[in-house]
Amino acid sequence: MEHGTPLVGLVCVLALGCGGGGGNQGNLDFPSGGGGGKRPPSPYHAELIPPGTGWFCFSRPNPKDGKPFSFCSRQAATCATIHDEDAQKYSGVTPCEPVTTAWCHTFRTSQGKETPVCVPTENECVEEVDLFLNGKTPSSLCRTEP
C-alpha cells in the first residue's frame, strides 16, 4: 500500500469510518473524572490523512452483526487490492466506487502508532469510534475529508 493510506475498515477488524463540520458523534458520554464510561477522545491527526481529493471505497457485511464494514483509500489500486482480498473471504463485497468525501478518525495502535481510518459514511465512523472508545482504545472523533 502507498505510504499514509488509511487502513479503513481493515483496521476495525484488527483493533476491535470524526468531529469537524458539525458532524454527529453519537452518544459519546465522556467521564469528567476517572471511573467508568468511555475514554475521552484523543486529538485528530490530520497530517496522517493522505493529501488529495476524492476516495475509493467498498463495503461488505460484517459477519458478526451484518452492519457495513468499509474501506476507503485515496488510490483506486489500493482499494482494488483490499477489495479483492476481502472478496476471496467474504460474500456481499461491493465494488470500489469513487466518492467525494470520506469520514476519518485516527487511533493509537497497541504499539503506540497513530493510524488513520476512513469510511464512506458518518454513521459508520461514529459507530467505529464508539467501539474504540468503549474498548479504551485512544481514538479521535470523526472528521469529513474531501
Foldseek 3Di string as FASTA:
>chain_A
DDQLWFFALVVLVVQLWLDPPPADQPPQDDDPDDDDGFHDADDFDPVSHDDDWKKWKKWAQDPVPGDTRMAITRDLVVRVVVLVVVVVPGPRIDGTDIDGKTKKKWWADPVGDIGMYTGRDLVVQSVSVNSCRNVVTHMHTIHMDD
